[in-house]
Amino acid sequence: VEQGEDIVIARAGHPVARLIAYTAPARQVAPP
């Protein structure tokens, strides 16, 4: 995942979750 690949986790062949890289939300700064 750190190298950019997405991983799908499945239960009995049915997708349940997706493991993706975390991206921090952009910090919004109010203008003066």
PDB file of all heavy atoms in Angstrom:
ATOM      1  N   VAL A   1       0.839  -1.198   0.000  1.00  0.00           N
ATOM      2  CA  VAL A   1       0.000   0.000   0.000  1.00  0.00           C
ATOM      3  C   VAL A   1       0.875   1.250   0.000  1.00  0.00           C
ATOM      4  O   VAL A   1       0.581   2.222  -0.697  1.00  0.00           O
ATOM      5  CB  VAL A   1      -0.956  -0.010   1.218  1.00  0.00           C
ATOM      6  CG1 VAL A   1      -1.608   1.347   1.421  1.00  0.00           C
ATOM      7  CG2 VAL A   1      -2.018  -1.085   1.038  1.00  0.00           C
ATOM      8  N   GLU A   2       1.966   1.223   0.760  1.00  0.00           N
ATOM      9  CA  GLU A   2       2.884   2.364   0.794  1.00  0.00           C
ATOM     10  C   GLU A   2       3.491   2.627  -0.585  1.00  0.00           C
ATOM     11  O   GLU A   2       3.863   3.750  -0.896  1.00  0.00           O
ATOM     12  CB  GLU A   2       3.991   2.130   1.814  1.00  0.00           C
ATOM     13  CG  GLU A   2       3.523   2.260   3.251  1.00  0.00           C
ATOM     14  CD  GLU A   2       4.611   1.910   4.253  1.00  0.00           C
ATOM     15  OE1 GLU A   2       5.510   1.104   3.919  1.00  0.00           O
ATOM     16  OE2 GLU A   2       4.559   2.444   5.368  1.00  0.00           O
ATOM     17  N   GLN A   3       3.585   1.594  -1.391  1.00  0.00           N
ATOM     18  CA  GLN A   3       4.140   1.739  -2.733  1.00  0.00           C
ATOM     19  C   GLN A   3       3.065   2.131  -3.751  1.00  0.00           C
ATOM     20  O   GLN A   3       3.336   2.187  -4.950  1.00  0.00           O
ATOM     21  CB  GLN A   3       4.830   0.446  -3.155  1.00  0.00           C
ATOM     22  CG  GLN A   3       6.048   0.125  -2.303  1.00  0.00           C
ATOM     23  CD  GLN A   3       6.612  -1.252  -2.590  1.00  0.00           C
ATOM     24  OE1 GLN A   3       6.161  -1.955  -3.476  1.00  0.00           O
ATOM     25  NE2 GLN A   3       7.619  -1.641  -1.814  1.00  0.00           N
ATOM     26  N   GLY A   4       1.844   2.382  -3.282  1.00  0.00           N
ATOM     27  CA  GLY A   4       0.800   2.875  -4.162  1.00  0.00           C
ATOM     28  C   GLY A   4      -0.244   1.876  -4.609  1.00  0.00           C
ATOM     29  O   GLY A   4      -1.147   2.213  -5.366  1.00  0.00           O
ATOM     30  N   GLU A   5      -0.154   0.645  -4.149  1.00  0.00           N
ATOM     31  CA  GLU A   5      -1.116  -0.375  -4.572  1.00  0.00           C
ATOM     32  C   GLU A   5      -2.327  -0.381  -3.638  1.00  0.00           C
ATOM     33  O   GLU A   5      -2.202  -0.147  -2.442  1.00  0.00           O
ATOM     34  CB  GLU A   5      -0.443  -1.754  -4.549  1.00  0.00           C
ATOM     35  CG  GLU A   5      -1.287  -2.841  -5.161  1.00  0.00           C
ATOM     36  CD  GLU A   5      -0.533  -4.162  -5.285  1.00  0.00           C
ATOM     37  OE1 GLU A   5       0.711  -4.152  -5.259  1.00  0.00           O
ATOM     38  OE2 GLU A   5      -1.213  -5.185  -5.398  1.00  0.00           O
ATOM     39  N   ASP A   6      -3.509  -0.633  -4.190  1.00  0.00           N
ATOM     40  CA  ASP A   6      -4.713  -0.810  -3.385  1.00  0.00           C
ATOM     41  C   ASP A   6      -4.937  -2.300  -3.168  1.00  0.00           C
ATOM     42  O   ASP A   6      -4.708  -3.108  -4.065  1.00  0.00           O
ATOM     43  CB  ASP A   6      -5.941  -0.238  -4.099  1.00  0.00           C
ATOM     44  CG  ASP A   6      -5.938   1.272  -4.127  1.00  0.00           C
ATOM     45  OD1 ASP A   6      -5.026   1.884  -3.551  1.00  0.00           O
ATOM     46  OD2 ASP A   6      -6.866   1.839  -4.727  1.00  0.00           O
ATOM     47  N   ILE A   7      -5.400  -2.649  -1.984  1.00  0.00           N
ATOM     48  CA  ILE A   7      -5.652  -4.045  -1.632  1.00  0.00           C
ATOM     49  C   ILE A   7      -7.127  -4.181  -1.273  1.00  0.00           C
ATOM     50  O   ILE A   7      -7.655  -3.415  -0.466  1.00  0.00           O
ATOM     51  CB  ILE A   7      -4.801  -4.494  -0.420  1.00  0.00           C
ATOM     52  CG1 ILE A   7      -3.315  -4.168  -0.608  1.00  0.00           C
ATOM     53  CG2 ILE A   7      -5.025  -5.960  -0.094  1.00  0.00           C
ATOM     54  CD1 ILE A   7      -2.617  -4.955  -1.674  1.00  0.00           C
ATOM     55  N   VAL A   8      -7.797  -5.168  -1.852  1.00  0.00           N
ATOM     56  CA  VAL A   8      -9.181  -5.467  -1.510  1.00  0.00           C
ATOM     57  C   VAL A   8      -9.184  -6.677  -0.592  1.00  0.00           C
ATOM     58  O   VAL A   8      -8.574  -7.701  -0.904  1.00  0.00           O
ATOM     59  CB  VAL A   8     -10.030  -5.745  -2.771  1.00  0.00           C
ATOM     60  CG1 VAL A   8     -11.424  -6.217  -2.396  1.00  0.00           C
ATOM     61  CG2 VAL A   8     -10.095  -4.504  -3.631  1.00  0.00           C
ATOM     62  N   ILE A   9      -9.864  -6.564   0.535  1.00  0.00           N
ATOM     63  CA  ILE A   9      -9.979  -7.677   1.477  1.00  0.00           C
ATOM     64  C   ILE A   9     -11.370  -8.276   1.302  1.00  0.00           C
ATOM     65  O   ILE A   9     -12.369  -7.564   1.350  1.00  0.00           O
ATOM     66  CB  ILE A   9      -9.747  -7.204   2.924  1.00  0.00           C
ATOM     67  CG1 ILE A   9      -8.348  -6.593   3.038  1.00  0.00           C
ATOM     68  CG2 ILE A   9      -9.916  -8.363   3.902  1.00  0.00           C
ATOM     69  CD1 ILE A   9      -8.054  -5.958   4.377  1.00  0.00           C
ATOM     70  N   ALA A  10     -11.401  -9.592   1.087  1.00  0.00           N
ATOM     71  CA  ALA A  10     -12.664 -10.262   0.786  1.00  0.00           C
ATOM     72  C   ALA A  10     -12.966 -11.355   1.798  1.00  0.00           C
ATOM     73  O   ALA A  10     -12.063 -11.952   2.384  1.00  0.00           O
ATOM     74  CB  ALA A  10     -12.597 -10.867  -0.614  1.00  0.00           C
ATOM     75  N   ARG A  11     -14.268 -11.594   1.978  1.00  0.00           N
ATOM     76  CA  ARG A  11     -14.732 -12.701   2.818  1.00  0.00           C
ATOM     77  C   ARG A  11     -15.531 -13.633   1.909  1.00  0.00           C
ATOM     78  O   ARG A  11     -16.509 -13.202   1.297  1.00  0.00           O
ATOM     79  CB  ARG A  11     -15.617 -12.190   3.949  1.00  0.00           C
ATOM     80  CG  ARG A  11     -16.176 -13.318   4.818  1.00  0.00           C
ATOM     81  CD  ARG A  11     -17.171 -12.851   5.864  1.00  0.00           C
ATOM     82  NE  ARG A  11     -16.539 -11.931   6.808  1.00  0.00           N
ATOM     83  CZ  ARG A  11     -17.048 -10.745   7.147  1.00  0.00           C
ATOM     84  NH1 ARG A  11     -18.186 -10.327   6.628  1.00  0.00           N
ATOM     85  NH2 ARG A  11     -16.426  -9.989   8.016  1.00  0.00           N
ATOM     86  N   ALA A  12     -15.091 -14.846   1.807  1.00  0.00           N
ATOM     87  CA  ALA A  12     -15.746 -15.850   0.945  1.00  0.00           C
ATOM     88  C   ALA A  12     -15.870 -15.343  -0.487  1.00  0.00           C
ATOM     89  O   ALA A  12     -16.877 -15.555  -1.149  1.00  0.00           O
ATOM     90  CB  ALA A  12     -17.115 -16.219   1.521  1.00  0.00           C
ATOM     91  N   GLY A  13     -14.839 -14.630  -0.960  1.00  0.00           N
ATOM     92  CA  GLY A  13     -14.817 -14.176  -2.333  1.00  0.00           C
ATOM     93  C   GLY A  13     -15.570 -12.882  -2.590  1.00  0.00           C
ATOM     94  O   GLY A  13     -15.556 -12.374  -3.702  1.00  0.00           O
ATOM     95  N   HIS A  14     -16.216 -12.310  -1.565  1.00  0.00           N
ATOM     96  CA  HIS A  14     -16.963 -11.070  -1.726  1.00  0.00           C
ATOM     97  C   HIS A  14     -16.186  -9.917  -1.081  1.00  0.00           C
ATOM     98  O   HIS A  14     -15.832  -9.992   0.098  1.00  0.00           O
ATOM     99  CB  HIS A  14     -18.347 -11.173  -1.075  1.00  0.00           C
ATOM    100  CG  HIS A  14     -19.210 -12.231  -1.681  1.00  0.00           C
ATOM    101  ND1 HIS A  14     -19.775 -12.095  -2.921  1.00  0.00           N
ATOM    102  CD2 HIS A  14     -19.579 -13.458  -1.227  1.00  0.00           C
ATOM    103  CE1 HIS A  14     -20.480 -13.182  -3.201  1.00  0.00           C
ATOM    104  NE2 HIS A  14     -20.358 -14.032  -2.190  1.00  0.00           N
ATOM    105  N   PRO A  15     -15.905  -8.872  -1.833  1.00  0.00           N
ATOM    106  CA  PRO A  15     -15.154  -7.743  -1.285  1.00  0.00           C
ATOM    107  C   PRO A  15     -15.850  -7.143  -0.058  1.00  0.00           C
ATOM    108  O   PRO A  15     -17.057  -6.945  -0.052  1.00  0.00           O
ATOM    109  CB  PRO A  15     -15.139  -6.726  -2.425  1.00  0.00           C
ATOM    110  CG  PRO A  15     -15.411  -7.526  -3.665  1.00  0.00           C
ATOM    111  CD  PRO A  15     -16.276  -8.659  -3.223  1.00  0.00           C
ATOM    112  N   VAL A  16     -15.045  -6.895   0.985  1.00  0.00           N
ATOM    113  CA  VAL A  16     -15.573  -6.344   2.231  1.00  0.00           C
ATOM    114  C   VAL A  16     -14.949  -4.978   2.522  1.00  0.00           C
ATOM    115  O   VAL A  16     -15.633  -4.059   2.968  1.00  0.00           O
ATOM    116  CB  VAL A  16     -15.289  -7.299   3.418  1.00  0.00           C
ATOM    117  CG1 VAL A  16     -15.724  -6.696   4.731  1.00  0.00           C
ATOM    118  CG2 VAL A  16     -15.964  -8.633   3.190  1.00  0.00           C
ATOM    119  N   ALA A  17     -13.649  -4.847   2.258  1.00  0.00           N
ATOM    120  CA  ALA A  17     -12.954  -3.605   2.586  1.00  0.00           C
ATOM    121  C   ALA A  17     -11.839  -3.357   1.582  1.00  0.00           C
ATOM    122  O   ALA A  17     -11.418  -4.268   0.866  1.00  0.00           O
ATOM    123  CB  ALA A  17     -12.376  -3.689   3.994  1.00  0.00           C
ATOM    124  N   ARG A  18     -11.391  -2.118   1.559  1.00  0.00           N
ATOM    125  CA  ARG A  18     -10.278  -1.751   0.679  1.00  0.00           C
ATOM    126  C   ARG A  18      -9.198  -1.097   1.525  1.00  0.00           C
ATOM    127  O   ARG A  18      -9.468  -0.193   2.303  1.00  0.00           O
ATOM    128  CB  ARG A  18     -10.763  -0.782  -0.392  1.00  0.00           C
ATOM    129  CG  ARG A  18      -9.742  -0.591  -1.491  1.00  0.00           C
ATOM    130  CD  ARG A  18     -10.329   0.206  -2.606  1.00  0.00           C
ATOM    131  NE  ARG A  18     -10.220   1.614  -2.258  1.00  0.00           N
ATOM    132  CZ  ARG A  18     -10.522   2.604  -3.068  1.00  0.00           C
ATOM    133  NH1 ARG A  18     -11.015   2.352  -4.260  1.00  0.00           N
ATOM    134  NH2 ARG A  18     -10.384   3.836  -2.695  1.00  0.00           N
ATOM    135  N   LEU A  19      -7.978  -1.560   1.377  1.00  0.00           N
ATOM    136  CA  LEU A  19      -6.827  -1.031   2.100  1.00  0.00           C
ATOM    137  C   LEU A  19      -6.106  -0.075   1.163  1.00  0.00           C
ATOM    138  O   LEU A  19      -5.605  -0.486   0.116  1.00  0.00           O
ATOM    139  CB  LEU A  19      -5.916  -2.198   2.513  1.00  0.00           C
ATOM    140  CG  LEU A  19      -4.818  -1.947   3.520  1.00  0.00           C
ATOM    141  CD1 LEU A  19      -5.360  -1.411   4.825  1.00  0.00           C
ATOM    142  CD2 LEU A  19      -4.051  -3.238   3.777  1.00  0.00           C
ATOM    143  N   ILE A  20      -6.123   1.213   1.522  1.00  0.00           N
ATOM    144  CA  ILE A  20      -5.492   2.231   0.680  1.00  0.00           C
ATOM    145  C   ILE A  20      -4.567   3.087   1.522  1.00  0.00           C
ATOM    146  O   ILE A  20      -4.664   3.108   2.746  1.00  0.00           O
ATOM    147  CB  ILE A  20      -6.542   3.124  -0.018  1.00  0.00           C
ATOM    148  CG1 ILE A  20      -7.409   3.835   1.007  1.00  0.00           C
ATOM    149  CG2 ILE A  20      -7.384   2.321  -0.981  1.00  0.00           C
ATOM    150  CD1 ILE A  20      -8.312   4.881   0.402  1.00  0.00           C
ATOM    151  N   ALA A  21      -3.679   3.812   0.877  1.00  0.00           N
ATOM    152  CA  ALA A  21      -2.724   4.666   1.583  1.00  0.00           C
ATOM    153  C   ALA A  21      -3.463   5.838   2.224  1.00  0.00           C
ATOM    154  O   ALA A  21      -4.425   6.375   1.664  1.00  0.00           O
ATOM    155  CB  ALA A  21      -1.668   5.187   0.613  1.00  0.00           C
ATOM    156  N   TYR A  22      -3.000   6.226   3.388  1.00  0.00           N
ATOM    157  CA  TYR A  22      -3.574   7.358   4.112  1.00  0.00           C
ATOM    158  C   TYR A  22      -3.008   8.652   3.555  1.00  0.00           C
ATOM    159  O   TYR A  22      -1.809   8.770   3.315  1.00  0.00           O
ATOM    160  CB  TYR A  22      -3.233   7.250   5.602  1.00  0.00           C
ATOM    161  CG  TYR A  22      -3.678   8.443   6.403  1.00  0.00           C
ATOM    162  CD1 TYR A  22      -5.004   8.589   6.774  1.00  0.00           C
ATOM    163  CD2 TYR A  22      -2.774   9.430   6.773  1.00  0.00           C
ATOM    164  CE1 TYR A  22      -5.415   9.685   7.501  1.00  0.00           C
ATOM    165  CE2 TYR A  22      -3.183  10.531   7.495  1.00  0.00           C
ATOM    166  CZ  TYR A  22      -4.507  10.657   7.859  1.00  0.00           C
ATOM    167  OH  TYR A  22      -4.901  11.751   8.580  1.00  0.00           O
ATOM    168  N   THR A  23      -3.885   9.612   3.329  1.00  0.00           N
ATOM    169  CA  THR A  23      -3.441  10.942   2.949  1.00  0.00           C
ATOM    170  C   THR A  23      -4.028  11.918   3.950  1.00  0.00           C
ATOM    171  O   THR A  23      -5.246  11.931   4.190  1.00  0.00           O
ATOM    172  CB  THR A  23      -3.906  11.332   1.526  1.00  0.00           C
ATOM    173  OG1 THR A  23      -5.328  11.188   1.454  1.00  0.00           O
ATOM    174  CG2 THR A  23      -3.266  10.442   0.469  1.00  0.00           C
ATOM    175  N   ALA A  24      -3.180  12.720   4.550  1.00  0.00           N
ATOM    176  CA  ALA A  24      -3.628  13.682   5.550  1.00  0.00           C
ATOM    177  C   ALA A  24      -4.474  14.760   4.880  1.00  0.00           C
ATOM    178  O   ALA A  24      -4.161  15.201   3.777  1.00  0.00           O
ATOM    179  CB  ALA A  24      -2.423  14.308   6.242  1.00  0.00           C
ATOM    180  N   PRO A  25      -5.547  15.174   5.550  1.00  0.00           N
ATOM    181  CA  PRO A  25      -6.368  16.225   4.963  1.00  0.00           C
ATOM    182  C   PRO A  25      -5.596  17.540   4.907  1.00  0.00           C
ATOM    183  O   PRO A  25      -4.782  17.824   5.784  1.00  0.00           O
ATOM    184  CB  PRO A  25      -7.565  16.334   5.922  1.00  0.00           C
ATOM    185  CG  PRO A  25      -7.108  15.715   7.188  1.00  0.00           C
ATOM    186  CD  PRO A  25      -6.063  14.711   6.826  1.00  0.00           C
ATOM    187  N   ALA A  26      -5.847  18.307   3.881  1.00  0.00           N
ATOM    188  CA  ALA A  26      -5.174  19.598   3.747  1.00  0.00           C
ATOM    189  C   ALA A  26      -5.672  20.522   4.849  1.00  0.00           C
ATOM    190  O   ALA A  26      -6.863  20.621   5.102  1.00  0.00           O
ATOM    191  CB  ALA A  26      -5.475  20.201   2.382  1.00  0.00           C
ATOM    192  N   ARG A  27      -4.756  21.169   5.499  1.00  0.00           N
ATOM    193  CA  ARG A  27      -5.101  22.088   6.583  1.00  0.00           C
ATOM    194  C   ARG A  27      -5.590  23.388   5.967  1.00  0.00           C
ATOM    195  O   ARG A  27      -4.877  24.012   5.189  1.00  0.00           O
ATOM    196  CB  ARG A  27      -3.876  22.340   7.464  1.00  0.00           C
ATOM    197  CG  ARG A  27      -4.179  23.204   8.645  1.00  0.00           C
ATOM    198  CD  ARG A  27      -2.987  23.264   9.586  1.00  0.00           C
ATOM    199  NE  ARG A  27      -3.299  24.168  10.663  1.00  0.00           N
ATOM    200  CZ  ARG A  27      -2.530  25.167  11.050  1.00  0.00           C
ATOM    201  NH1 ARG A  27      -1.383  25.364  10.460  1.00  0.00           N
ATOM    202  NH2 ARG A  27      -2.895  25.956  12.031  1.00  0.00           N
ATOM    203  N   GLN A  28      -6.790  23.767   6.328  1.00  0.00           N
ATOM    204  CA  GLN A  28      -7.354  24.986   5.783  1.00  0.00           C
ATOM    205  C   GLN A  28      -7.068  26.138   6.738  1.00  0.00           C
ATOM    206  O   GLN A  28      -7.367  26.067   7.925  1.00  0.00           O
ATOM    207  CB  GLN A  28      -8.852  24.836   5.571  1.00  0.00           C
ATOM    208  CG  GLN A  28      -9.192  23.795   4.534  1.00  0.00           C
ATOM    209  CD  GLN A  28     -10.688  23.683   4.313  1.00  0.00           C
ATOM    210  OE1 GLN A  28     -11.470  24.356   4.951  1.00  0.00           O
ATOM    211  NE2 GLN A  28     -11.077  22.812   3.403  1.00  0.00           N
ATOM    212  N   VAL A  29      -6.488  27.185   6.218  1.00  0.00           N
ATOM    213  CA  VAL A  29      -6.158  28.361   7.005  1.00  0.00           C
ATOM    214  C   VAL A  29      -7.058  29.497   6.550  1.00  0.00           C
ATOM    215  O   VAL A  29      -7.142  29.796   5.351  1.00  0.00           O
ATOM    216  CB  VAL A  29      -4.673  28.743   6.820  1.00  0.00           C
ATOM    217  CG1 VAL A  29      -4.336  29.998   7.596  1.00  0.00           C
ATOM    218  CG2 VAL A  29      -3.781  27.588   7.239  1.00  0.00           C
ATOM    219  N   ALA A  30      -7.728  30.105   7.513  1.00  0.00           N
ATOM    220  CA  ALA A  30      -8.612  31.224   7.181  1.00  0.00           C
ATOM    221  C   ALA A  30      -7.771  32.425   6.752  1.00  0.00           C
ATOM    222  O   ALA A  30      -6.714  32.696   7.332  1.00  0.00           O
ATOM    223  CB  ALA A  30      -9.462  31.591   8.385  1.00  0.00           C
ATOM    224  N   PRO A  31      -8.214  33.131   5.751  1.00  0.00           N
ATOM    225  CA  PRO A  31      -7.475  34.324   5.311  1.00  0.00           C
ATOM    226  C   PRO A  31      -7.562  35.419   6.374  1.00  0.00           C
ATOM    227  O   PRO A  31      -8.506  35.446   7.161  1.00  0.00           O
ATOM    228  CB  PRO A  31      -8.194  34.734   4.036  1.00  0.00           C
ATOM    229  CG  PRO A  31      -9.569  34.190   4.189  1.00  0.00           C
ATOM    230  CD  PRO A  31      -9.417  32.919   4.984  1.00  0.00           C
ATOM    231  N   PRO A  32      -6.588  36.322   6.411  1.00  0.00           N
ATOM    232  CA  PRO A  32      -6.659  37.433   7.365  1.00  0.00           C
ATOM    233  C   PRO A  32      -7.974  38.190   7.195  1.00  0.00           C
ATOM    234  O   PRO A  32      -8.384  38.493   6.074  1.00  0.00           O
ATOM    235  CB  PRO A  32      -5.465  38.309   6.982  1.00  0.00           C
ATOM    236  CG  PRO A  32      -4.528  37.374   6.287  1.00  0.00           C
ATOM    237  CD  PRO A  32      -5.387  36.371   5.597  1.00  0.00           C
TER     238      PRO A  32
END
